Amino acid sequence: MRVRNPETFYAAWASSAPTEAAVDYWQYYAQAERSMTRNCSADYTAITKSMKLELYTAVESGTGGQVPAFVNVITAEALTNAQVASYLRLPLSYYQYYGFAASILPFCDIMETFNDTRARTTDNGGISPAIASESGIVLTHNITAAWYAFLTGIAEIDYDSIPYTGSDPTQDYSWTWQYCSEYGYYQRGNPDNEHTIESRYTSVEYFQANCNETFPFGDGLPSTPNVAAVNKYGGWHINPSNIMFSSGEYDPWRALSPTSIEVGSPNRMSTQYIPPCNVAPANNTVFGILYKDAVHVSDMRALLNTSDVNHQNFSTVGFSSPVNPEHFYAGVSLFQSALEEWLPCFGNGSYGHELMRQY
C-alpha cells in the first residue's frame, strides 16, 4: 500500500509480510522441517514419500482407545491419495502460529517413543536406554515400524485442547478468493526436495482444483492465479521508504518476504539501521528486524495482560498462542525510533515536532 498509495500511507510496520506472490509455494513447509528435530524430520519425510492408505489402523484406535463412530474400513479405503495426504499433514496444522516446540514436538515425542513418553530413560533423567534414536525409526528399525509410530501419533495427539477461536467462514471465503485469483501460495509437496514433509499428492493441480470447485460459476477466477498483479509492486525486491519489515526466523511465510533465504530470492540482508525519512534503504538491504526462533507475526500476538498468563483473553487477542512478548517489545522499540526519524518530514513537519515534544 505504501508503494501504490504513498500519499495515503506515510509509514508502516509490516509484520511477516509475504511480498512475493507465487503459484508454486512448496517452501512453506520447508521452514517447519528446518525447525524439527532430525529424527522426527527423517521419519516424517520417509512416511510422506512412502505414502500408503493405512490411516484406518490409526483412527480405529482413536484417542483414549475410543473408536470414532464414523470410522469403518470401507470409508478408509475410499480415501484418495490427496485426502490421505491431508491427514498426514495434521501434525503441522498449528505450526505457523505456535512453532515447533508447542505444536509438532508433542506429536514427535509420541511417534519417536512409540507412545511411551512416560518411560524413565536417559532422555529424561532415568537410567534405561533411550527409546527414541537420533537417526529416527526408519533407520533404526524399518519403514513399517515408522508407519505404525506415525499413525499412533496422529491417533493419540490431542489438538482439540489447543485454545483457538476457530475461523470465520466469511473471512475464509475472502482469503480463498485472494489466493485463488492473485496470490497463489499453493503449498504443494515437492518430491524433488529430499527433506520434504509434504506429500507429492498435494500438488499444484490439487490446489487449483479446489479453487475451481470453490468458485465454479465463472466469477472472474483466472485459470491460474495472476501473480503479476501483485509482483508489479516489487515482490521480493520491494523497497519502499518509511517501512519497517519484521519476520520470524522460522516463519513459513518468510520464504516470500523481502528477507527470504530461499533459492532464487535476492538474499537481501535485514538491517536495523534506520534510513532517513522518505529514503529507501541503501544497498538492497531491508530495514527491520528478524526475530530468532520466531514464527508468523510473533510480534503482533503478544498478550500483555500479565494476569492472563495462558493467553485466553480473546477480547484482546484474536487467537491465543504461547508467544514471547520479547518480540513485541523489540519491534515496538525499533519502530518508535524509526518514527522519530520519519515523522518530522510528514506534511508540513508539525506532526513530527508535536510528537518529539512528548520525549
Protein backbone atom coordinates (compact mmCIF):
# COMPACT_ATOMS: atom_id res chain seq x y z
CA MET A 1 0.00 0.00 0.00
CA ARG A 2 2.91 2.33 0.67
CA VAL A 3 4.19 1.71 -2.88
CA ARG A 4 0.77 2.04 -4.51
CA ASN A 5 -0.63 4.89 -2.39
CA PRO A 6 2.25 6.82 -0.81
CA GLU A 7 0.03 9.88 -0.44
CA THR A 8 -2.25 7.90 1.90
CA PHE A 9 0.18 5.60 3.72
CA TYR A 10 3.15 7.57 5.02
CA ALA A 11 4.78 4.93 7.23
CA ALA A 12 4.02 1.37 8.31
CA TRP A 13 5.24 -1.66 10.20
CA ALA A 14 4.88 -4.76 8.00
CA SER A 15 4.92 -7.88 10.18
CA SER A 16 5.63 -11.20 8.44
CA ALA A 17 4.59 -9.76 5.08
CA PRO A 18 4.92 -12.07 2.04
CA THR A 19 5.53 -9.52 -0.71
CA GLU A 20 6.32 -12.04 -3.47
CA ALA A 21 3.33 -13.85 -4.97
CA ALA A 22 3.96 -17.34 -6.33
CA VAL A 23 1.71 -20.12 -7.55
CA ASP A 24 4.16 -22.84 -6.53
CA TYR A 25 4.89 -22.39 -2.83
CA TRP A 26 6.42 -25.70 -1.75
CA GLN A 27 8.80 -23.82 0.57
CA TYR A 28 6.00 -23.17 3.08
CA TYR A 29 6.57 -26.44 4.94
CA ALA A 30 10.32 -26.32 4.39
CA GLN A 31 10.57 -23.86 7.28
CA ALA A 32 8.75 -26.26 9.59
CA GLU A 33 11.08 -29.09 8.57
CA ARG A 34 14.16 -26.99 9.30
CA SER A 35 12.99 -26.36 12.86
CA MET A 36 12.24 -30.03 13.63
CA THR A 37 14.43 -32.49 15.49
CA ARG A 38 16.40 -34.54 12.96
CA ASN A 39 14.93 -37.92 13.89
CA CYS A 40 11.36 -36.68 13.59
CA SER A 41 12.14 -34.91 10.31
CA ALA A 42 13.75 -38.04 8.85
CA ASP A 43 10.79 -40.24 9.75
CA TYR A 44 8.22 -37.66 8.63
CA THR A 45 9.99 -37.41 5.27
CA ALA A 46 10.12 -41.19 4.88
CA ILE A 47 6.41 -41.56 5.69
CA THR A 48 5.48 -38.78 3.28
CA LYS A 49 7.46 -40.36 0.46
CA SER A 50 6.22 -43.91 1.04
CA MET A 51 2.56 -42.75 1.15
CA LYS A 52 0.18 -45.60 1.99
CA LEU A 53 -3.53 -45.80 2.64
CA GLU A 54 -3.08 -47.04 6.21
CA LEU A 55 -4.98 -44.46 8.20
CA TYR A 56 -7.64 -46.91 9.32
CA THR A 57 -5.22 -48.52 11.74
CA ALA A 58 -4.71 -45.16 13.42
CA VAL A 59 -8.23 -43.80 13.51
CA GLU A 60 -9.67 -47.13 14.59
CA SER A 61 -7.81 -46.90 17.87
CA GLY A 62 -8.92 -43.32 18.47
CA THR A 63 -7.78 -41.01 21.23
CA GLY A 64 -8.04 -42.80 24.54
CA GLY A 65 -8.94 -46.06 22.83
CA GLN A 66 -12.39 -44.82 21.76
CA VAL A 67 -13.38 -45.83 18.24
CA PRO A 68 -14.89 -42.84 16.34
CA ALA A 69 -18.42 -43.58 15.20
CA PHE A 70 -17.73 -42.59 11.59
CA VAL A 71 -14.78 -44.96 11.10
CA ASN A 72 -15.04 -48.13 9.06
CA VAL A 73 -12.81 -49.98 6.62
CA ILE A 74 -14.92 -49.06 3.59
CA THR A 75 -14.66 -45.35 4.40
CA ALA A 76 -10.92 -45.59 4.94
CA GLU A 77 -10.30 -47.49 1.70
CA ALA A 78 -12.36 -44.93 -0.23
CA LEU A 79 -9.97 -42.13 0.66
CA THR A 80 -7.98 -40.68 -2.23
CA ASN A 81 -4.24 -40.16 -2.02
CA ALA A 82 -4.81 -36.41 -1.72
CA GLN A 83 -7.19 -36.96 1.20
CA VAL A 84 -4.70 -39.19 2.97
CA ALA A 85 -2.01 -36.57 2.36
CA SER A 86 -4.18 -34.02 4.17
CA TYR A 87 -4.41 -36.35 7.20
CA LEU A 88 -0.64 -36.78 7.22
CA ARG A 89 -0.39 -33.01 7.44
CA LEU A 90 -2.38 -32.83 10.69
CA PRO A 91 0.66 -32.52 13.00
CA LEU A 92 1.66 -29.39 11.05
CA SER A 93 -1.70 -27.64 11.43
CA TYR A 94 -0.67 -25.18 14.14
CA TYR A 95 2.96 -24.69 13.22
CA GLN A 96 2.52 -21.28 11.60
CA TYR A 97 1.48 -19.61 14.86
CA TYR A 98 2.86 -21.91 17.55
CA GLY A 99 6.22 -23.02 16.19
CA PHE A 100 7.82 -26.43 16.53
CA ALA A 101 8.05 -26.79 20.32
CA ALA A 102 4.40 -26.02 21.00
CA SER A 103 2.79 -27.74 18.01
CA ILE A 104 4.81 -30.50 16.29
CA LEU A 105 7.09 -31.59 19.15
CA PRO A 106 4.31 -33.28 21.18
CA PHE A 107 3.49 -35.39 18.12
CA CYS A 108 7.18 -36.13 17.51
CA ASP A 109 7.59 -37.27 21.13
CA ILE A 110 4.73 -39.74 20.77
CA MET A 111 5.98 -41.04 17.43
CA GLU A 112 9.67 -41.37 18.26
CA THR A 113 8.96 -43.16 21.56
CA PHE A 114 6.15 -45.36 20.20
CA ASN A 115 3.82 -43.54 22.61
CA ASP A 116 5.92 -44.42 25.63
CA THR A 117 6.69 -40.86 26.67
CA ARG A 118 6.42 -41.62 30.41
CA ALA A 119 9.24 -44.18 30.44
CA ARG A 120 12.21 -43.12 32.58
CA THR A 121 15.18 -43.18 30.20
CA THR A 122 18.43 -41.31 29.78
CA ASP A 123 16.42 -38.73 27.82
CA ASN A 124 14.52 -37.59 30.91
CA GLY A 125 16.77 -38.37 33.88
CA GLY A 126 16.31 -42.13 34.05
CA ILE A 127 18.86 -44.89 33.57
CA SER A 128 17.18 -47.05 30.91
CA PRO A 129 18.37 -46.69 27.31
CA ALA A 130 16.58 -44.04 25.29
CA ILE A 131 13.67 -45.27 23.22
CA ALA A 132 14.00 -42.62 20.55
CA SER A 133 17.13 -42.86 18.42
CA GLU A 134 18.87 -39.82 17.00
CA SER A 135 18.66 -41.24 13.48
CA GLY A 136 14.94 -41.99 13.62
CA ILE A 137 12.75 -45.09 13.47
CA VAL A 138 13.21 -45.87 9.77
CA LEU A 139 16.98 -46.19 10.02
CA THR A 140 16.93 -47.85 13.44
CA HIS A 141 14.07 -50.25 12.64
CA ASN A 142 12.20 -50.06 9.31
CA ILE A 143 9.51 -48.14 7.41
CA THR A 144 6.73 -50.38 8.72
CA ALA A 145 7.62 -49.55 12.31
CA ALA A 146 7.77 -45.87 11.39
CA TRP A 147 4.30 -46.03 9.84
CA TYR A 148 2.92 -47.65 12.97
CA ALA A 149 4.50 -44.99 15.17
CA PHE A 150 3.36 -42.15 12.89
CA LEU A 151 -0.24 -43.30 12.78
CA THR A 152 -0.24 -43.86 16.53
CA GLY A 153 0.94 -40.30 16.95
CA ILE A 154 -1.92 -38.98 14.81
CA ALA A 155 -4.45 -41.07 16.75
CA GLU A 156 -3.14 -40.07 20.19
CA ILE A 157 -2.25 -36.41 19.83
CA ASP A 158 -4.92 -34.13 21.27
CA TYR A 159 -5.10 -30.95 19.23
CA ASP A 160 -8.62 -30.22 20.45
CA SER A 161 -7.13 -28.98 23.72
CA ILE A 162 -5.19 -26.22 21.94
CA PRO A 163 -7.04 -22.96 22.62
CA TYR A 164 -8.25 -21.49 19.34
CA THR A 165 -11.20 -19.29 18.50
CA GLY A 166 -11.91 -21.07 15.24
CA SER A 167 -12.33 -19.45 11.86
CA ASP A 168 -14.80 -17.07 10.30
CA PRO A 169 -16.42 -18.55 7.16
CA THR A 170 -16.71 -15.11 5.54
CA GLN A 171 -13.03 -14.34 6.11
CA ASP A 172 -12.03 -17.81 4.94
CA TYR A 173 -14.02 -17.40 1.72
CA SER A 174 -12.48 -13.99 1.11
CA TRP A 175 -8.95 -15.29 1.73
CA THR A 176 -9.56 -18.24 -0.60
CA TRP A 177 -10.60 -15.85 -3.37
CA GLN A 178 -7.47 -13.79 -2.86
CA TYR A 179 -5.03 -16.68 -3.19
CA CYS A 180 -7.01 -18.39 -5.96
CA SER A 181 -7.19 -15.20 -8.05
CA GLU A 182 -3.83 -13.49 -7.43
CA TYR A 183 -1.55 -14.66 -4.63
CA GLY A 184 -1.21 -18.35 -5.43
CA TYR A 185 0.66 -19.67 -2.40
CA TYR A 186 -0.17 -23.28 -3.35
CA GLN A 187 1.63 -25.13 -0.57
CA ARG A 188 2.38 -28.27 -2.54
CA GLY A 189 4.66 -31.17 -1.72
CA ASN A 190 7.95 -31.17 -3.61
CA PRO A 191 9.19 -34.68 -4.42
CA ASP A 192 12.48 -33.19 -5.66
CA ASN A 193 13.24 -31.93 -2.15
CA GLU A 194 14.86 -34.76 -0.20
CA HIS A 195 13.64 -33.28 3.08
CA THR A 196 10.01 -32.72 2.09
CA ILE A 197 7.41 -33.36 4.80
CA GLU A 198 4.52 -32.62 2.44
CA SER A 199 3.16 -35.36 0.18
CA ARG A 200 3.62 -35.19 -3.58
CA TYR A 201 -0.12 -35.83 -3.86
CA THR A 202 -0.74 -32.33 -2.52
CA SER A 203 0.08 -30.81 -5.90
CA VAL A 204 -0.45 -27.51 -7.68
CA GLU A 205 -3.23 -29.22 -9.63
CA TYR A 206 -4.84 -30.28 -6.35
CA PHE A 207 -4.97 -26.67 -5.12
CA GLN A 208 -6.23 -25.36 -8.45
CA ALA A 209 -8.99 -27.95 -8.49
CA ASN A 210 -10.08 -26.83 -5.02
CA CYS A 211 -10.17 -23.21 -6.23
CA ASN A 212 -12.24 -24.15 -9.25
CA GLU A 213 -14.62 -26.13 -7.05
CA THR A 214 -15.00 -23.24 -4.59
CA PHE A 215 -15.71 -20.69 -7.34
CA PRO A 216 -17.37 -22.74 -10.09
CA PHE A 217 -19.55 -20.12 -11.74
CA GLY A 218 -17.02 -18.15 -13.76
CA ASP A 219 -16.89 -15.24 -11.32
CA GLY A 220 -13.75 -13.88 -12.93
CA LEU A 221 -11.42 -16.52 -11.47
CA PRO A 222 -8.42 -16.93 -13.79
CA SER A 223 -7.23 -20.38 -14.83
CA THR A 224 -4.20 -19.82 -12.61
CA PRO A 225 -3.52 -17.07 -10.04
CA ASN A 226 -2.48 -13.79 -11.65
CA VAL A 227 0.62 -13.28 -9.53
CA ALA A 228 1.87 -10.48 -11.83
CA ALA A 229 -0.87 -8.24 -10.42
CA VAL A 230 0.89 -8.44 -7.04
CA ASN A 231 4.53 -8.69 -8.05
CA LYS A 232 4.38 -5.49 -10.12
CA TYR A 233 4.84 -3.64 -6.82
CA GLY A 234 8.26 -5.21 -6.30
CA GLY A 235 7.77 -8.69 -4.87
CA TRP A 236 10.98 -9.83 -3.20
CA HIS A 237 12.63 -6.61 -4.40
CA ILE A 238 10.08 -4.21 -2.94
CA ASN A 239 11.97 -1.30 -1.43
CA PRO A 240 9.69 1.48 -0.16
CA SER A 241 10.72 4.26 2.17
CA ASN A 242 9.31 4.62 5.68
CA ILE A 243 8.54 0.91 6.09
CA MET A 244 9.82 -1.49 8.73
CA PHE A 245 9.71 -5.21 7.87
CA SER A 246 9.76 -7.77 10.69
CA SER A 247 9.96 -11.54 10.24
CA GLY A 248 10.29 -14.71 12.28
CA GLU A 249 13.33 -16.88 11.62
CA TYR A 250 11.11 -19.94 11.10
CA ASP A 251 8.02 -18.20 9.77
CA PRO A 252 6.74 -20.32 6.85
CA TRP A 253 5.87 -17.08 5.04
CA ARG A 254 9.41 -15.74 5.27
CA ALA A 255 10.25 -17.56 2.03
CA LEU A 256 8.20 -14.96 0.13
CA SER A 257 9.25 -11.97 2.23
CA PRO A 258 11.97 -9.42 1.38
CA THR A 259 14.36 -11.28 3.73
CA SER A 260 13.83 -14.67 2.08
CA ILE A 261 16.80 -17.04 2.05
CA GLU A 262 15.30 -19.45 -0.48
CA VAL A 263 16.94 -20.37 -3.79
CA GLY A 264 16.00 -17.77 -6.38
CA SER A 265 15.42 -14.99 -3.88
CA PRO A 266 17.69 -11.91 -3.87
CA ASN A 267 19.01 -12.83 -0.37
CA ARG A 268 18.61 -9.33 0.97
CA MET A 269 20.01 -8.57 4.40
CA SER A 270 17.90 -7.21 7.23
CA THR A 271 19.36 -4.19 8.97
CA GLN A 272 18.27 -2.14 11.96
CA TYR A 273 19.95 0.95 10.58
CA ILE A 274 17.12 3.47 10.22
CA PRO A 275 17.15 5.17 6.80
CA PRO A 276 16.29 8.88 6.55
CA CYS A 277 12.66 9.84 6.02
CA ASN A 278 11.32 9.23 2.51
CA VAL A 279 14.55 7.45 1.52
CA ALA A 280 14.58 3.74 0.68
CA PRO A 281 17.17 1.55 2.44
CA ALA A 282 20.51 1.53 0.66
CA ASN A 283 22.49 -1.33 -0.89
CA ASN A 284 19.42 -3.53 -1.37
CA THR A 285 19.07 -4.02 2.38
CA VAL A 286 15.76 -4.36 4.22
CA PHE A 287 15.10 -2.12 7.19
CA GLY A 288 13.59 -4.10 10.03
CA ILE A 289 14.17 -6.94 12.42
CA LEU A 290 14.46 -10.74 12.17
CA TYR A 291 13.34 -12.49 15.36
CA LYS A 292 15.36 -15.57 16.29
CA ASP A 293 13.33 -18.81 16.56
CA ALA A 294 10.06 -16.90 15.96
CA VAL A 295 7.24 -17.83 13.59
CA HIS A 296 4.36 -15.94 11.94
CA VAL A 297 3.51 -12.44 13.28
CA SER A 298 5.06 -13.33 16.63
CA ASP A 299 5.48 -9.63 17.39
CA MET A 300 1.80 -8.84 16.85
CA ARG A 301 0.31 -11.51 19.10
CA ALA A 302 1.85 -10.85 22.48
CA LEU A 303 -0.83 -10.60 25.13
CA LEU A 304 0.40 -8.03 27.61
CA ASN A 305 -2.15 -8.81 30.31
CA THR A 306 0.13 -10.49 32.85
CA SER A 307 -2.84 -11.84 34.81
CA ASP A 308 -3.78 -13.88 31.75
CA VAL A 309 -0.64 -15.99 31.54
CA ASN A 310 -2.25 -18.60 29.30
CA HIS A 311 -3.33 -16.03 26.70
CA GLN A 312 -7.03 -16.85 26.95
CA ASN A 313 -8.49 -13.36 26.73
CA PHE A 314 -9.89 -13.46 23.23
CA SER A 315 -11.21 -9.90 23.50
CA THR A 316 -7.66 -8.56 23.44
CA VAL A 317 -6.04 -11.04 21.06
CA GLY A 318 -7.67 -12.66 18.04
CA PHE A 319 -6.36 -16.09 18.89
CA SER A 320 -4.14 -17.40 21.62
CA SER A 321 -0.69 -18.91 21.38
CA PRO A 322 2.37 -19.07 23.62
CA VAL A 323 4.12 -16.01 22.23
CA ASN A 324 7.11 -14.43 23.89
CA PRO A 325 6.38 -10.68 24.39
CA GLU A 326 10.09 -10.03 23.82
CA HIS A 327 9.41 -9.85 20.08
CA PHE A 328 6.65 -7.30 20.61
CA TYR A 329 8.80 -5.01 22.71
CA ALA A 330 11.77 -5.29 20.34
CA GLY A 331 9.59 -4.41 17.37
CA VAL A 332 7.86 -1.51 19.11
CA SER A 333 11.19 -0.08 20.23
CA LEU A 334 12.69 -0.14 16.73
CA PHE A 335 9.56 1.22 15.05
CA GLN A 336 9.27 4.01 17.61
CA SER A 337 12.85 5.03 16.87
CA ALA A 338 12.07 4.94 13.15
CA LEU A 339 9.04 7.18 13.58
CA GLU A 340 11.15 9.70 15.45
CA GLU A 341 13.32 9.84 12.34
CA TRP A 342 10.50 9.86 9.78
CA LEU A 343 7.65 11.91 11.23
CA PRO A 344 9.39 15.30 11.14
CA CYS A 345 9.07 15.07 7.34
CA PHE A 346 5.34 14.36 7.43
CA GLY A 347 3.19 17.10 5.89
CA ASN A 348 4.50 20.48 6.96
CA GLY A 349 6.55 18.94 9.70
CA SER A 350 4.27 19.96 12.57
CA TYR A 351 3.17 16.42 13.37
CA GLY A 352 6.72 15.26 13.96
CA HIS A 353 7.54 18.25 16.15
CA GLU A 354 4.45 17.65 18.28
CA LEU A 355 5.46 14.04 18.73
CA MET A 356 9.00 14.90 19.71
CA ARG A 357 7.78 17.24 22.46
CA GLN A 358 6.47 14.15 24.29
CA TYR A 359 10.03 12.92 24.93
